[in-house]
Amino acid sequence: MTIEIANETRQVLISSIQRYFQENMDEPIGNITAGALLGFVLEEIGPIVYNKAVADVQQRLQARVMELDLEVYEDEFQYWSKADRKKKTK
């Protein structure tokens, strides 16, 4: 699965990579080279981050599903106990 990003986002990321190289490396990096580096990172490292995010969401959803019965559970056969309580309060 290819990780797709919007063109605007891609340009912002390329600019960020160029700035990083300008401020932290001995040599600046050009637009084409920064774009190639971005492509490499997206293809090589992106899936790791993506898969971790999916796993985190699955874990969170499973925890929520396990709590669902506590949130929406209703006791059964409550008519007569409710009716008896009403009679006692009258």
PDB file of N, CA and C in Angstrom:
ATOM      1  N   MET A   1       0.851  -1.179   0.000  1.00  0.00           N
ATOM      2  CA  MET A   1       0.000   0.000   0.000  1.00  0.00           C
ATOM      3  C   MET A   1       0.898   1.244   0.000  1.00  0.00           C
ATOM      4  N   THR A   2       0.665   2.109  -0.917  1.00  0.00           N
ATOM      5  CA  THR A   2       1.441   3.338  -1.027  1.00  0.00           C
ATOM      6  C   THR A   2       0.820   4.415  -0.146  1.00  0.00           C
ATOM      7  N   ILE A   3       1.660   5.112   0.592  1.00  0.00           N
ATOM      8  CA  ILE A   3       1.175   6.216   1.416  1.00  0.00           C
ATOM      9  C   ILE A   3       1.127   7.454   0.534  1.00  0.00           C
ATOM     10  N   GLU A   4      -0.067   7.974   0.356  1.00  0.00           N
ATOM     11  CA  GLU A   4      -0.270   9.149  -0.491  1.00  0.00           C
ATOM     12  C   GLU A   4      -0.423  10.382   0.394  1.00  0.00           C
ATOM     13  N   ILE A   5       0.192  11.460  -0.023  1.00  0.00           N
ATOM     14  CA  ILE A   5       0.014  12.720   0.688  1.00  0.00           C
ATOM     15  C   ILE A   5      -0.368  13.792  -0.335  1.00  0.00           C
ATOM     16  N   ALA A   6      -1.084  14.780   0.121  1.00  0.00           N
ATOM     17  CA  ALA A   6      -1.522  15.866  -0.751  1.00  0.00           C
ATOM     18  C   ALA A   6      -0.317  16.650  -1.261  1.00  0.00           C
ATOM     19  N   ASN A   7      -0.448  17.229  -2.446  1.00  0.00           N
ATOM     20  CA  ASN A   7       0.636  18.006  -3.054  1.00  0.00           C
ATOM     21  C   ASN A   7       1.106  19.146  -2.154  1.00  0.00           C
ATOM     22  N   GLU A   8       0.165  19.869  -1.560  1.00  0.00           N
ATOM     23  CA  GLU A   8       0.523  20.970  -0.658  1.00  0.00           C
ATOM     24  C   GLU A   8       1.353  20.452   0.513  1.00  0.00           C
ATOM     25  N   THR A   9       0.926  19.345   1.083  1.00  0.00           N
ATOM     26  CA  THR A   9       1.646  18.748   2.208  1.00  0.00           C
ATOM     27  C   THR A   9       3.034  18.298   1.779  1.00  0.00           C
ATOM     28  N   ARG A  10       3.116  17.716   0.590  1.00  0.00           N
ATOM     29  CA  ARG A  10       4.402  17.271   0.059  1.00  0.00           C
ATOM     30  C   ARG A  10       5.370  18.448  -0.063  1.00  0.00           C
ATOM     31  N   GLN A  11       4.885  19.569  -0.561  1.00  0.00           N
ATOM     32  CA  GLN A  11       5.738  20.752  -0.709  1.00  0.00           C
ATOM     33  C   GLN A  11       6.205  21.285   0.643  1.00  0.00           C
ATOM     34  N   VAL A  12       5.309  21.278   1.627  1.00  0.00           N
ATOM     35  CA  VAL A  12       5.679  21.719   2.973  1.00  0.00           C
ATOM     36  C   VAL A  12       6.741  20.792   3.560  1.00  0.00           C
ATOM     37  N   LEU A  13       6.571  19.497   3.356  1.00  0.00           N
ATOM     38  CA  LEU A  13       7.550  18.533   3.860  1.00  0.00           C
ATOM     39  C   LEU A  13       8.908  18.699   3.186  1.00  0.00           C
ATOM     40  N   ILE A  14       8.910  18.922   1.879  1.00  0.00           N
ATOM     41  CA  ILE A  14      10.166  19.138   1.151  1.00  0.00           C
ATOM     42  C   ILE A  14      10.869  20.380   1.682  1.00  0.00           C
ATOM     43  N   SER A  15      10.113  21.445   1.899  1.00  0.00           N
ATOM     44  CA  SER A  15      10.695  22.664   2.465  1.00  0.00           C
ATOM     45  C   SER A  15      11.259  22.411   3.860  1.00  0.00           C
ATOM     46  N   SER A  16      10.566  21.614   4.643  1.00  0.00           N
ATOM     47  CA  SER A  16      11.025  21.288   5.985  1.00  0.00           C
ATOM     48  C   SER A  16      12.326  20.489   5.942  1.00  0.00           C
ATOM     49  N   ILE A  17      12.413  19.535   5.024  1.00  0.00           N
ATOM     50  CA  ILE A  17      13.641  18.750   4.854  1.00  0.00           C
ATOM     51  C   ILE A  17      14.788  19.663   4.438  1.00  0.00           C
ATOM     52  N   GLN A  18      14.521  20.565   3.505  1.00  0.00           N
ATOM     53  CA  GLN A  18      15.556  21.500   3.068  1.00  0.00           C
ATOM     54  C   GLN A  18      16.026  22.380   4.232  1.00  0.00           C
ATOM     55  N   ARG A  19      15.086  22.854   5.018  1.00  0.00           N
ATOM     56  CA  ARG A  19      15.454  23.684   6.169  1.00  0.00           C
ATOM     57  C   ARG A  19      16.280  22.888   7.171  1.00  0.00           C
ATOM     58  N   TYR A  20      15.869  21.647   7.419  1.00  0.00           N
ATOM     59  CA  TYR A  20      16.625  20.805   8.345  1.00  0.00           C
ATOM     60  C   TYR A  20      18.077  20.659   7.893  1.00  0.00           C
ATOM     61  N   PHE A  21      18.265  20.365   6.608  1.00  0.00           N
ATOM     62  CA  PHE A  21      19.623  20.222   6.080  1.00  0.00           C
ATOM     63  C   PHE A  21      20.394  21.536   6.173  1.00  0.00           C
ATOM     64  N   GLN A  22      19.725  22.626   5.900  1.00  0.00           N
ATOM     65  CA  GLN A  22      20.380  23.940   5.954  1.00  0.00           C
ATOM     66  C   GLN A  22      20.859  24.257   7.372  1.00  0.00           C
ATOM     67  N   GLU A  23      20.051  23.926   8.359  1.00  0.00           N
ATOM     68  CA  GLU A  23      20.369  24.286   9.739  1.00  0.00           C
ATOM     69  C   GLU A  23      21.205  23.240  10.475  1.00  0.00           C
ATOM     70  N   ASN A  24      21.198  21.988  10.019  1.00  0.00           N
ATOM     71  CA  ASN A  24      21.841  20.934  10.789  1.00  0.00           C
ATOM     72  C   ASN A  24      22.939  20.159  10.056  1.00  0.00           C
ATOM     73  N   MET A  25      23.060  20.330   8.773  1.00  0.00           N
ATOM     74  CA  MET A  25      24.053  19.585   8.003  1.00  0.00           C
ATOM     75  C   MET A  25      25.072  20.539   7.397  1.00  0.00           C
ATOM     76  N   ASP A  26      26.157  19.976   6.924  1.00  0.00           N
ATOM     77  CA  ASP A  26      27.223  20.781   6.330  1.00  0.00           C
ATOM     78  C   ASP A  26      26.833  21.378   4.983  1.00  0.00           C
ATOM     79  N   GLU A  27      25.969  20.678   4.248  1.00  0.00           N
ATOM     80  CA  GLU A  27      25.588  21.140   2.909  1.00  0.00           C
ATOM     81  C   GLU A  27      24.078  21.264   2.799  1.00  0.00           C
ATOM     82  N   PRO A  28      23.621  22.259   2.052  1.00  0.00           N
ATOM     83  CA  PRO A  28      22.170  22.360   1.815  1.00  0.00           C
ATOM     84  C   PRO A  28      21.739  21.238   0.864  1.00  0.00           C
ATOM     85  N   ILE A  29      20.453  21.020   0.812  1.00  0.00           N
ATOM     86  CA  ILE A  29      19.885  19.978  -0.048  1.00  0.00           C
ATOM     87  C   ILE A  29      18.928  20.646  -1.025  1.00  0.00           C
ATOM     88  N   GLY A  30      18.948  20.240  -2.258  1.00  0.00           N
ATOM     89  CA  GLY A  30      18.077  20.821  -3.282  1.00  0.00           C
ATOM     90  C   GLY A  30      16.661  20.269  -3.211  1.00  0.00           C
ATOM     91  N   ASN A  31      15.791  20.903  -3.956  1.00  0.00           N
ATOM     92  CA  ASN A  31      14.376  20.545  -4.005  1.00  0.00           C
ATOM     93  C   ASN A  31      14.174  19.110  -4.498  1.00  0.00           C
ATOM     94  N   ILE A  32      14.858  18.741  -5.567  1.00  0.00           N
ATOM     95  CA  ILE A  32      14.699  17.394  -6.137  1.00  0.00           C
ATOM     96  C   ILE A  32      15.234  16.341  -5.174  1.00  0.00           C
ATOM     97  N   THR A  33      16.389  16.599  -4.579  1.00  0.00           N
ATOM     98  CA  THR A  33      16.980  15.647  -3.627  1.00  0.00           C
ATOM     99  C   THR A  33      16.105  15.509  -2.384  1.00  0.00           C
ATOM    100  N   ALA A  34      15.579  16.628  -1.899  1.00  0.00           N
ATOM    101  CA  ALA A  34      14.685  16.586  -0.738  1.00  0.00           C
ATOM    102  C   ALA A  34      13.426  15.788  -1.063  1.00  0.00           C
ATOM    103  N   GLY A  35      12.906  15.954  -2.271  1.00  0.00           N
ATOM    104  CA  GLY A  35      11.731  15.183  -2.703  1.00  0.00           C
ATOM    105  C   GLY A  35      12.030  13.699  -2.771  1.00  0.00           C
ATOM    106  N   ALA A  36      13.238  13.355  -3.269  1.00  0.00           N
ATOM    107  CA  ALA A  36      13.632  11.949  -3.337  1.00  0.00           C
ATOM    108  C   ALA A  36      13.779  11.366  -1.929  1.00  0.00           C
ATOM    109  N   LEU A  37      14.364  12.140  -1.026  1.00  0.00           N
ATOM    110  CA  LEU A  37      14.503  11.685   0.359  1.00  0.00           C
ATOM    111  C   LEU A  37      13.128  11.479   0.991  1.00  0.00           C
ATOM    112  N   LEU A  38      12.216  12.393   0.736  1.00  0.00           N
ATOM    113  CA  LEU A  38      10.853  12.254   1.254  1.00  0.00           C
ATOM    114  C   LEU A  38      10.206  10.979   0.718  1.00  0.00           C
ATOM    115  N   GLY A  39      10.369  10.733  -0.582  1.00  0.00           N
ATOM    116  CA  GLY A  39       9.817   9.511  -1.180  1.00  0.00           C
ATOM    117  C   GLY A  39      10.378   8.260  -0.524  1.00  0.00           C
ATOM    118  N   PHE A  40      11.683   8.261  -0.266  1.00  0.00           N
ATOM    119  CA  PHE A  40      12.316   7.124   0.404  1.00  0.00           C
ATOM    120  C   PHE A  40      11.743   6.922   1.804  1.00  0.00           C
ATOM    121  N   VAL A  41      11.651   8.005   2.564  1.00  0.00           N
ATOM    122  CA  VAL A  41      11.138   7.909   3.929  1.00  0.00           C
ATOM    123  C   VAL A  41       9.702   7.398   3.925  1.00  0.00           C
ATOM    124  N   LEU A  42       8.886   7.918   3.025  1.00  0.00           N
ATOM    125  CA  LEU A  42       7.493   7.472   2.959  1.00  0.00           C
ATOM    126  C   LEU A  42       7.390   5.988   2.612  1.00  0.00           C
ATOM    127  N   GLU A  43       8.231   5.539   1.710  1.00  0.00           N
ATOM    128  CA  GLU A  43       8.166   4.143   1.278  1.00  0.00           C
ATOM    129  C   GLU A  43       8.820   3.195   2.283  1.00  0.00           C
ATOM    130  N   GLU A  44       9.910   3.613   2.879  1.00  0.00           N
ATOM    131  CA  GLU A  44      10.677   2.728   3.758  1.00  0.00           C
ATOM    132  C   GLU A  44      10.229   2.796   5.220  1.00  0.00           C
ATOM    133  N   ILE A  45       9.970   3.987   5.713  1.00  0.00           N
ATOM    134  CA  ILE A  45       9.654   4.169   7.133  1.00  0.00           C
ATOM    135  C   ILE A  45       8.160   4.390   7.360  1.00  0.00           C
ATOM    136  N   GLY A  46       7.501   4.998   6.391  1.00  0.00           N
ATOM    137  CA  GLY A  46       6.072   5.301   6.518  1.00  0.00           C
ATOM    138  C   GLY A  46       5.214   4.115   6.931  1.00  0.00           C
ATOM    139  N   PRO A  47       5.393   2.939   6.300  1.00  0.00           N
ATOM    140  CA  PRO A  47       4.556   1.800   6.685  1.00  0.00           C
ATOM    141  C   PRO A  47       4.718   1.375   8.146  1.00  0.00           C
ATOM    142  N   ILE A  48       5.906   1.551   8.700  1.00  0.00           N
ATOM    143  CA  ILE A  48       6.120   1.201  10.107  1.00  0.00           C
ATOM    144  C   ILE A  48       5.265   2.102  10.994  1.00  0.00           C
ATOM    145  N   VAL A  49       5.294   3.388  10.719  1.00  0.00           N
ATOM    146  CA  VAL A  49       4.513   4.351  11.496  1.00  0.00           C
ATOM    147  C   VAL A  49       3.020   4.093  11.295  1.00  0.00           C
ATOM    148  N   TYR A  50       2.629   3.847  10.051  1.00  0.00           N
ATOM    149  CA  TYR A  50       1.231   3.582   9.720  1.00  0.00           C
ATOM    150  C   TYR A  50       0.729   2.326  10.452  1.00  0.00           C
ATOM    151  N   ASN A  51       1.510   1.250  10.378  1.00  0.00           N
ATOM    152  CA  ASN A  51       1.101  -0.003  11.024  1.00  0.00           C
ATOM    153  C   ASN A  51       1.011   0.154  12.535  1.00  0.00           C
ATOM    154  N   LYS A  52       1.915   0.917  13.125  1.00  0.00           N
ATOM    155  CA  LYS A  52       1.869   1.163  14.564  1.00  0.00           C
ATOM    156  C   LYS A  52       0.609   1.948  14.923  1.00  0.00           C
ATOM    157  N   ALA A  53       0.276   2.934  14.109  1.00  0.00           N
ATOM    158  CA  ALA A  53      -0.936   3.725  14.359  1.00  0.00           C
ATOM    159  C   ALA A  53      -2.178   2.844  14.260  1.00  0.00           C
ATOM    160  N   VAL A  54      -2.226   1.975  13.256  1.00  0.00           N
ATOM    161  CA  VAL A  54      -3.369   1.064  13.098  1.00  0.00           C
ATOM    162  C   VAL A  54      -3.469   0.141  14.310  1.00  0.00           C
ATOM    163  N   ALA A  55      -2.337  -0.401  14.761  1.00  0.00           N
ATOM    164  CA  ALA A  55      -2.337  -1.287  15.928  1.00  0.00           C
ATOM    165  C   ALA A  55      -2.817  -0.547  17.172  1.00  0.00           C
ATOM    166  N   ASP A  56      -2.378   0.700  17.340  1.00  0.00           N
ATOM    167  CA  ASP A  56      -2.817   1.499  18.492  1.00  0.00           C
ATOM    168  C   ASP A  56      -4.323   1.738  18.453  1.00  0.00           C
ATOM    169  N   VAL A  57      -4.850   2.049  17.275  1.00  0.00           N
ATOM    170  CA  VAL A  57      -6.294   2.283  17.136  1.00  0.00           C
ATOM    171  C   VAL A  57      -7.063   0.995  17.405  1.00  0.00           C
ATOM    172  N   GLN A  58      -6.565  -0.144  16.880  1.00  0.00           N
ATOM    173  CA  GLN A  58      -7.236  -1.420  17.130  1.00  0.00           C
ATOM    174  C   GLN A  58      -7.287  -1.722  18.627  1.00  0.00           C
ATOM    175  N   GLN A  59      -6.190  -1.492  19.314  1.00  0.00           N
ATOM    176  CA  GLN A  59      -6.135  -1.750  20.751  1.00  0.00           C
ATOM    177  C   GLN A  59      -7.131  -0.856  21.489  1.00  0.00           C
ATOM    178  N   ARG A  60      -7.170   0.393  21.100  1.00  0.00           N
ATOM    179  CA  ARG A  60      -8.096   1.336  21.745  1.00  0.00           C
ATOM    180  C   ARG A  60      -9.552   0.945  21.482  1.00  0.00           C
ATOM    181  N   LEU A  61      -9.861   0.565  20.233  1.00  0.00           N
ATOM    182  CA  LEU A  61     -11.226   0.160  19.905  1.00  0.00           C
ATOM    183  C   LEU A  61     -11.622  -1.117  20.634  1.00  0.00           C
ATOM    184  N   GLN A  62     -10.703  -2.067  20.734  1.00  0.00           N
ATOM    185  CA  GLN A  62     -11.006  -3.306  21.453  1.00  0.00           C
ATOM    186  C   GLN A  62     -11.297  -3.015  22.919  1.00  0.00           C
ATOM    187  N   ALA A  63     -10.547  -2.109  23.524  1.00  0.00           N
ATOM    188  CA  ALA A  63     -10.805  -1.741  24.910  1.00  0.00           C
ATOM    189  C   ALA A  63     -12.187  -1.111  25.040  1.00  0.00           C
ATOM    190  N   ARG A  64     -12.543  -0.253  24.094  1.00  0.00           N
ATOM    191  CA  ARG A  64     -13.871   0.387  24.126  1.00  0.00           C
ATOM    192  C   ARG A  64     -14.987  -0.640  23.945  1.00  0.00           C
ATOM    193  N   VAL A  65     -14.793  -1.594  23.042  1.00  0.00           N
ATOM    194  CA  VAL A  65     -15.812  -2.626  22.814  1.00  0.00           C
ATOM    195  C   VAL A  65     -15.989  -3.467  24.076  1.00  0.00           C
ATOM    196  N   MET A  66     -14.889  -3.761  24.757  1.00  0.00           N
ATOM    197  CA  MET A  66     -14.980  -4.550  25.984  1.00  0.00           C
ATOM    198  C   MET A  66     -15.747  -3.805  27.070  1.00  0.00           C
ATOM    199  N   GLU A  67     -15.730  -2.483  27.045  1.00  0.00           N
ATOM    200  CA  GLU A  67     -16.458  -1.680  28.030  1.00  0.00           C
ATOM    201  C   GLU A  67     -17.901  -1.426  27.616  1.00  0.00           C
ATOM    202  N   LEU A  68     -18.226  -1.754  26.391  1.00  0.00           N
ATOM    203  CA  LEU A  68     -19.558  -1.451  25.863  1.00  0.00           C
ATOM    204  C   LEU A  68     -20.664  -2.069  26.693  1.00  0.00           C
ATOM    205  N   ASP A  69     -20.493  -3.310  27.125  1.00  0.00           N
ATOM    206  CA  ASP A  69     -21.550  -3.946  27.910  1.00  0.00           C
ATOM    207  C   ASP A  69     -21.790  -3.219  29.231  1.00  0.00           C
ATOM    208  N   LEU A  70     -20.768  -2.594  29.782  1.00  0.00           N
ATOM    209  CA  LEU A  70     -20.954  -1.835  31.019  1.00  0.00           C
ATOM    210  C   LEU A  70     -21.734  -0.553  30.775  1.00  0.00           C
ATOM    211  N   GLU A  71     -21.540   0.041  29.623  1.00  0.00           N
ATOM    212  CA  GLU A  71     -22.194   1.310  29.314  1.00  0.00           C
ATOM    213  C   GLU A  71     -23.657   1.149  28.923  1.00  0.00           C
ATOM    214  N   VAL A  72     -23.992   0.069  28.239  1.00  0.00           N
ATOM    215  CA  VAL A  72     -25.348  -0.054  27.704  1.00  0.00           C
ATOM    216  C   VAL A  72     -26.121  -1.244  28.260  1.00  0.00           C
ATOM    217  N   TYR A  73     -25.580  -1.926  29.246  1.00  0.00           N
ATOM    218  CA  TYR A  73     -26.248  -3.101  29.811  1.00  0.00           C
ATOM    219  C   TYR A  73     -27.503  -2.692  30.557  1.00  0.00           C
ATOM    220  N   GLU A  74     -28.530  -3.483  30.394  1.00  0.00           N
ATOM    221  CA  GLU A  74     -29.784  -3.281  31.132  1.00  0.00           C
ATOM    222  C   GLU A  74     -30.142  -4.580  31.832  1.00  0.00           C
ATOM    223  N   ASP A  75     -30.479  -4.467  33.105  1.00  0.00           N
ATOM    224  CA  ASP A  75     -30.931  -5.652  33.830  1.00  0.00           C
ATOM    225  C   ASP A  75     -32.240  -6.130  33.224  1.00  0.00           C
ATOM    226  N   GLU A  76     -32.408  -7.445  33.206  1.00  0.00           N
ATOM    227  CA  GLU A  76     -33.611  -8.044  32.639  1.00  0.00           C
ATOM    228  C   GLU A  76     -34.674  -8.237  33.723  1.00  0.00           C
ATOM    229  N   PHE A  77     -35.897  -8.387  33.288  1.00  0.00           N
ATOM    230  CA  PHE A  77     -37.018  -8.692  34.163  1.00  0.00           C
ATOM    231  C   PHE A  77     -37.132  -7.698  35.313  1.00  0.00           C
ATOM    232  N   GLN A  78     -37.179  -6.433  34.990  1.00  0.00           N
ATOM    233  CA  GLN A  78     -37.214  -5.377  36.010  1.00  0.00           C
ATOM    234  C   GLN A  78     -38.609  -4.795  36.247  1.00  0.00           C
ATOM    235  N   TYR A  79     -39.573  -5.207  35.452  1.00  0.00           N
ATOM    236  CA  TYR A  79     -40.905  -4.614  35.575  1.00  0.00           C
ATOM    237  C   TYR A  79     -41.449  -4.735  36.997  1.00  0.00           C
ATOM    238  N   TRP A  80     -41.458  -5.947  37.539  1.00  0.00           N
ATOM    239  CA  TRP A  80     -42.096  -6.164  38.847  1.00  0.00           C
ATOM    240  C   TRP A  80     -41.302  -5.523  39.978  1.00  0.00           C
ATOM    241  N   SER A  81     -39.991  -5.529  39.874  1.00  0.00           N
ATOM    242  CA  SER A  81     -39.231  -4.883  40.949  1.00  0.00           C
ATOM    243  C   SER A  81     -39.454  -3.369  40.917  1.00  0.00           C
ATOM    244  N   LYS A  82     -39.593  -2.801  39.752  1.00  0.00           N
ATOM    245  CA  LYS A  82     -39.896  -1.366  39.650  1.00  0.00           C
ATOM    246  C   LYS A  82     -41.307  -1.090  40.154  1.00  0.00           C
ATOM    247  N   ALA A  83     -42.226  -1.958  39.793  1.00  0.00           N
ATOM    248  CA  ALA A  83     -43.612  -1.782  40.231  1.00  0.00           C
ATOM    249  C   ALA A  83     -43.709  -1.879  41.749  1.00  0.00           C
ATOM    250  N   ASP A  84     -42.984  -2.834  42.342  1.00  0.00           N
ATOM    251  CA  ASP A  84     -42.999  -2.971  43.809  1.00  0.00           C
ATOM    252  C   ASP A  84     -42.415  -1.737  44.476  1.00  0.00           C
ATOM    253  N   ARG A  85     -41.339  -1.173  43.916  1.00  0.00           N
ATOM    254  CA  ARG A  85     -40.744   0.032  44.494  1.00  0.00           C
ATOM    255  C   ARG A  85     -41.709   1.200  44.424  1.00  0.00           C
ATOM    256  N   LYS A  86     -42.470   1.300  43.315  1.00  0.00           N
ATOM    257  CA  LYS A  86     -43.460   2.367  43.191  1.00  0.00           C
ATOM    258  C   LYS A  86     -44.544   2.242  44.251  1.00  0.00           C
ATOM    259  N   LYS A  87     -44.966   1.014  44.531  1.00  0.00           N
ATOM    260  CA  LYS A  87     -46.015   0.796  45.529  1.00  0.00           C
ATOM    261  C   LYS A  87     -45.529   1.206  46.922  1.00  0.00           C
ATOM    262  N   LYS A  88     -44.250   0.950  47.207  1.00  0.00           N
ATOM    263  CA  LYS A  88     -43.695   1.258  48.525  1.00  0.00           C
ATOM    264  C   LYS A  88     -43.547   2.778  48.728  1.00  0.00           C
ATOM    265  N   THR A  89     -43.334   3.512  47.667  1.00  0.00           N
ATOM    266  CA  THR A  89     -43.150   4.968  47.794  1.00  0.00           C
ATOM    267  C   THR A  89     -44.476   5.705  47.884  1.00  0.00           C
ATOM    268  N   LYS A  90     -45.582   5.036  47.587  1.00  0.00           N
ATOM    269  CA  LYS A  90     -46.891   5.707  47.625  1.00  0.00           C
ATOM    270  C   LYS A  90     -47.457   5.790  48.986  1.00  0.00           C
TER     271      LYS A  90
END
